[in-house]
Every structure is written in structure tokens, then in C-alpha cells.
Protein backbone atom coordinates (compact mmCIF):
# COMPACT_ATOMS: atom_id res chain seq x y z
CA MET A 1 29.58 -16.94 26.29
CA SER A 2 30.71 -17.68 22.70
CA SER A 3 27.73 -20.01 21.91
CA ILE A 4 25.38 -16.63 22.74
CA GLY A 5 27.28 -14.58 20.64
CA SER A 6 27.17 -16.86 17.91
CA PHE A 7 23.32 -17.36 18.45
CA LEU A 8 22.79 -13.76 18.05
CA ALA A 9 25.01 -12.93 15.30
CA LEU A 10 23.06 -15.74 13.49
CA PHE A 11 19.35 -15.03 14.59
CA ALA A 12 19.63 -10.95 14.93
CA PRO A 13 20.09 -10.49 10.91
CA LEU A 14 16.89 -13.34 10.51
CA PHE A 15 14.78 -11.25 12.82
CA LEU A 16 15.80 -7.83 11.14
CA ILE A 17 14.88 -9.18 7.55
CA TRP A 18 11.72 -10.73 9.06
CA TYR A 19 10.59 -7.61 10.90
CA PHE A 20 11.19 -4.95 7.38
CA LEU A 21 9.77 -7.66 5.29
CA ILE A 22 6.99 -9.10 6.83
CA ILE A 23 6.03 -7.66 10.26
CA LEU A 24 6.66 -3.78 9.29
CA PRO A 25 4.57 -3.61 6.11
CA GLN A 26 1.71 -5.46 7.63
CA GLN A 27 1.52 -2.97 10.43
CA ARG A 28 1.44 0.08 7.92
CA GLN A 29 -1.49 -1.75 6.17
CA ARG A 30 -3.20 -2.33 9.54
CA ARG A 31 -3.05 1.47 10.43
CA LYS A 32 -3.97 2.59 6.70
CA VAL A 33 -7.20 0.11 6.99
CA GLN A 34 -8.42 1.85 10.28
CA GLU A 35 -7.45 5.19 9.43
CA MET A 36 -9.94 4.68 6.13
CA LEU A 37 -12.58 3.06 8.46
CA ALA A 38 -12.10 5.90 11.00
CA ASN A 39 -13.00 8.67 8.25
CA LEU A 40 -15.91 7.25 6.88
CA LYS A 41 -18.52 9.59 6.30
CA THR A 42 -22.45 9.77 5.08
CA GLY A 43 -22.22 9.98 1.23
CA ASP A 44 -18.98 7.50 0.85
CA ARG A 45 -19.40 4.81 -1.64
CA VAL A 46 -17.97 1.67 -0.36
CA VAL A 47 -17.13 -1.84 -1.33
CA THR A 48 -17.88 -4.61 1.59
CA SER A 49 -15.65 -7.87 2.06
CA GLY A 50 -18.61 -9.58 0.70
CA GLY A 51 -18.51 -7.49 -2.47
CA ILE A 52 -21.57 -5.84 -1.89
CA TYR A 53 -21.34 -2.06 -3.38
CA GLY A 54 -23.39 0.85 -1.34
CA THR A 55 -23.49 4.04 -0.37
CA ILE A 56 -23.07 5.24 3.33
CA THR A 57 -26.90 6.80 4.65
CA GLY A 58 -26.08 6.38 8.20
CA PHE A 59 -23.87 5.13 11.22
CA HIS A 60 -25.29 3.30 14.82
CA GLY A 61 -21.82 2.53 16.72
CA GLN A 62 -19.97 0.19 15.08
CA VAL A 63 -22.60 -0.65 12.54
CA VAL A 64 -22.74 1.13 9.03
CA GLN A 65 -25.67 1.34 7.06
CA LEU A 66 -25.40 1.37 3.57
CA GLN A 67 -28.05 1.91 0.58
CA VAL A 68 -27.46 -0.49 -1.99
CA THR A 69 -30.59 0.27 -4.26
CA PRO A 70 -33.22 3.24 -3.36
CA GLN A 71 -35.34 0.51 -1.94
CA VAL A 72 -32.99 -1.45 0.13
CA LYS A 73 -30.80 -0.11 2.86
CA LEU A 74 -28.28 -2.92 4.65
CA ASP A 75 -26.83 -2.88 8.16
CA ILE A 76 -22.99 -4.07 7.93
CA ALA A 77 -20.41 -4.00 10.39
CA ARG A 78 -18.12 -1.07 9.81
CA SER A 79 -15.18 -3.74 9.71
CA ALA A 80 -16.58 -5.32 6.89
CA VAL A 81 -15.96 -2.07 4.74
CA THR A 82 -13.02 -2.98 2.52
CA GLY A 83 -12.65 -0.08 0.40
CA VAL A 84 -13.58 3.68 -0.61
CA GLY A 85 -14.55 5.02 -3.42
CA SER A 86 -16.11 8.43 -4.90
CA PRO A 87 -19.64 8.34 -5.89
CA GLU A 88 -18.67 9.66 -9.41
CA ALA A 89 -17.03 6.19 -9.78
CA GLU A 90 -20.42 4.48 -10.41
CA GLU A 91 -21.12 6.81 -13.33
CA GLU A 92 -17.68 6.57 -15.07
CA LYS A 93 -18.14 2.77 -15.72
CA PRO A 94 -17.69 1.61 -19.07
CA LYS A 95 -21.01 0.76 -20.69
CA PRO A 96 -21.10 -2.80 -22.07
CA LYS A 97 -20.44 -3.16 -25.98
CA LYS A 98 -23.45 -4.45 -28.10
């Protein structure tokens, strides 16, 4: 019985530390990403995991249609969206110095 007690006394704190430093932050991050993907709407300016910036023009189930330029529209997986920015963010880009 004492060997089980010493085993628990050693590994229970290690598991708690592991949970609070590794597992809990990952769960929070996953929840935040799922919430962001659920709240996507037409007109949102987004960036994909491939680094493509575009504006959402439509949805087809788990497919998002992005307008990259006025002539180019891409269909991407909803899960490929990694960030959302406002449409005004593009206009506020600093202009390159000459």
C-alpha cells in the first residue's frame, strides 16, 4: 500500500503541473479558434494557413470562398482560415518609403 501512495505522491503533482502548463492552454486556444471559425461572415478580411489574404464572399458548407483580387476568387476549407482582420486594416498599411 505504501508503494501506491508514494507513486501517487510523486506523479499526481507532476500530472497537475502538466495539465495546467500544457493541456489547459491548448484547450483554450482550440476553443478560441473554433469560436473564430464559427463567427466568420461575408465581408471579413482573413488570412489562410498558406498566407493568402482575402475577403470572404460566400460559404458552401465547410468551404469558404475568398476574393483575393477583383478577378480572382478561391475556394478554401474553413479550417484553413487562421486569422480575421478588419477590411480597414488593408487601407492602414504603411506606404513604402522611396
